[in-house]
Amino acid sequence: MIIGTKDVELLDQKTGELNRKIQEAIQNNSLTEAEKKLLAQKSATFPNKLSTDRWHQVYATTKGDKLSCTIDGKLIGSFRSEGFAHETKRLIRLLVPNNVYVDDVRIWRAK
């Protein structure tokens, strides 16, 4: 999930750009048209304006093959892709292109 000030992108990197075959093709600049089409189907972007001068509450939720994003109590969007449905979700990355303050991060698993 990439959260910006204008939109939110939900993306399946597991079966998209981090797929070993796709990753090699990207590095070699040899993506086929079929691979480009596959990559285009691995993300969805939803418009959402955020101010940078206040705190926002963000929820990222996965259930089966669906990833959803809620910001400040409003559902921004949901996206389905098979890469979200794997059993072990051990890696969480908070990547920031510029500056951002992150506070009070909580992670839990539904039973």
Protein backbone atom coordinates (compact mmCIF):
# COMPACT_ATOMS: atom_id res chain seq x y z
CA MET A 1 0.00 0.00 0.00
CA ILE A 2 1.32 3.41 -0.95
CA ILE A 3 -0.35 6.36 0.73
CA GLY A 4 0.22 9.78 -0.78
CA THR A 5 -1.37 13.18 -0.34
CA LYS A 6 -3.51 12.71 -3.48
CA ASP A 7 -4.21 8.98 -3.67
CA VAL A 8 -3.73 5.50 -2.23
CA GLU A 9 -2.34 2.62 -4.27
CA LEU A 10 -3.06 -0.95 -3.23
CA LEU A 11 -0.63 -3.35 -4.85
CA ASP A 12 0.18 -7.05 -4.83
CA GLN A 13 3.94 -7.15 -5.00
CA LYS A 14 4.16 -10.87 -4.20
CA THR A 15 2.69 -11.95 -7.54
CA GLY A 16 3.61 -8.70 -9.29
CA GLU A 17 6.91 -6.85 -9.38
CA LEU A 18 8.54 -9.04 -6.70
CA ASN A 19 7.84 -12.24 -8.64
CA ARG A 20 11.34 -13.49 -9.47
CA LYS A 21 10.70 -13.84 -13.22
CA ILE A 22 9.07 -10.40 -13.45
CA GLN A 23 11.81 -8.84 -11.34
CA GLU A 24 14.52 -10.20 -13.65
CA ALA A 25 12.65 -8.92 -16.72
CA ILE A 26 12.36 -5.46 -15.12
CA GLN A 27 16.09 -5.42 -14.32
CA ASN A 28 16.96 -6.55 -17.86
CA ASN A 29 14.47 -4.14 -19.41
CA SER A 30 12.88 -7.10 -21.22
CA LEU A 31 9.27 -7.14 -20.01
CA THR A 32 6.97 -8.79 -22.52
CA GLU A 33 3.57 -7.31 -23.34
CA ALA A 34 1.95 -10.14 -21.36
CA GLU A 35 4.10 -9.31 -18.31
CA LYS A 36 3.26 -5.60 -18.62
CA LYS A 37 -0.43 -6.50 -18.76
CA LEU A 38 -0.04 -8.75 -15.69
CA LEU A 39 1.68 -5.96 -13.74
CA ALA A 40 -1.12 -3.53 -14.65
CA GLN A 41 -3.59 -5.93 -13.02
CA LYS A 42 -1.63 -6.12 -9.75
CA SER A 43 -2.58 -2.70 -8.39
CA ALA A 44 -5.46 -0.29 -8.02
CA THR A 45 -5.27 3.43 -7.24
CA PHE A 46 -7.95 5.33 -5.35
CA PRO A 47 -8.13 9.14 -5.14
CA ASN A 48 -7.85 10.46 -1.60
CA LYS A 49 -6.65 13.89 -0.52
CA LEU A 50 -4.73 14.09 2.74
CA SER A 51 -3.50 17.17 4.52
CA THR A 52 0.09 17.06 5.70
CA ASP A 53 -0.43 19.21 8.76
CA ARG A 54 -2.40 16.75 10.91
CA TRP A 55 -2.46 13.14 12.10
CA HIS A 56 -4.38 10.49 10.18
CA GLN A 57 -5.57 7.10 11.38
CA VAL A 58 -4.82 4.39 8.82
CA TYR A 59 -6.06 0.79 8.80
CA ALA A 60 -4.74 -1.78 6.34
CA THR A 61 -6.77 -4.98 6.45
CA THR A 62 -6.26 -8.25 4.63
CA LYS A 63 -8.89 -10.94 4.50
CA GLY A 64 -8.17 -13.79 2.13
CA ASP A 65 -7.24 -12.27 -1.23
CA LYS A 66 -8.59 -8.78 -0.39
CA LEU A 67 -6.60 -5.80 0.87
CA SER A 68 -8.56 -2.78 2.14
CA CYS A 69 -7.48 0.67 3.27
CA THR A 70 -9.41 2.88 5.67
CA ILE A 71 -8.22 6.38 6.55
CA ASP A 72 -9.82 8.49 9.27
CA GLY A 73 -12.82 6.13 9.37
CA LYS A 74 -13.50 6.27 5.62
CA LEU A 75 -13.03 3.22 3.40
CA ILE A 76 -10.70 4.43 0.66
CA GLY A 77 -10.70 1.25 -1.40
CA SER A 78 -10.35 -2.51 -1.60
CA PHE A 79 -8.46 -4.64 -4.09
CA ARG A 80 -8.36 -8.40 -4.66
CA SER A 81 -5.29 -10.31 -5.81
CA GLU A 82 -4.02 -13.81 -5.08
CA GLY A 83 -0.77 -12.53 -3.57
CA PHE A 84 -2.63 -11.22 -0.51
CA ALA A 85 -3.98 -14.69 0.36
CA HIS A 86 -0.77 -16.39 1.45
CA GLU A 87 -0.62 -17.87 4.97
CA THR A 88 2.53 -16.22 6.29
CA LYS A 89 2.43 -12.47 6.30
CA ARG A 90 5.57 -11.79 8.32
CA LEU A 91 7.00 -8.80 6.47
CA ILE A 92 5.70 -5.31 7.05
CA ARG A 93 7.53 -2.39 5.52
CA LEU A 94 6.93 1.26 6.28
CA LEU A 95 8.61 3.07 3.41
CA VAL A 96 8.63 6.83 3.30
CA PRO A 97 9.71 8.73 0.17
CA ASN A 98 10.13 12.04 2.02
CA ASN A 99 9.26 12.73 5.66
CA VAL A 100 6.45 11.37 7.75
CA TYR A 101 5.81 10.82 11.45
CA VAL A 102 4.55 7.36 12.39
CA ASP A 103 3.20 6.76 15.87
CA ASP A 104 1.24 4.10 17.71
CA VAL A 105 1.61 1.21 15.23
CA ARG A 106 -0.41 -1.87 16.17
CA ILE A 107 -0.64 -5.20 14.42
CA TRP A 108 -3.15 -7.91 15.22
CA ARG A 109 -4.51 -11.09 13.73
CA ALA A 110 -8.20 -11.91 13.60
CA LYS A 111 -9.05 -15.30 15.07
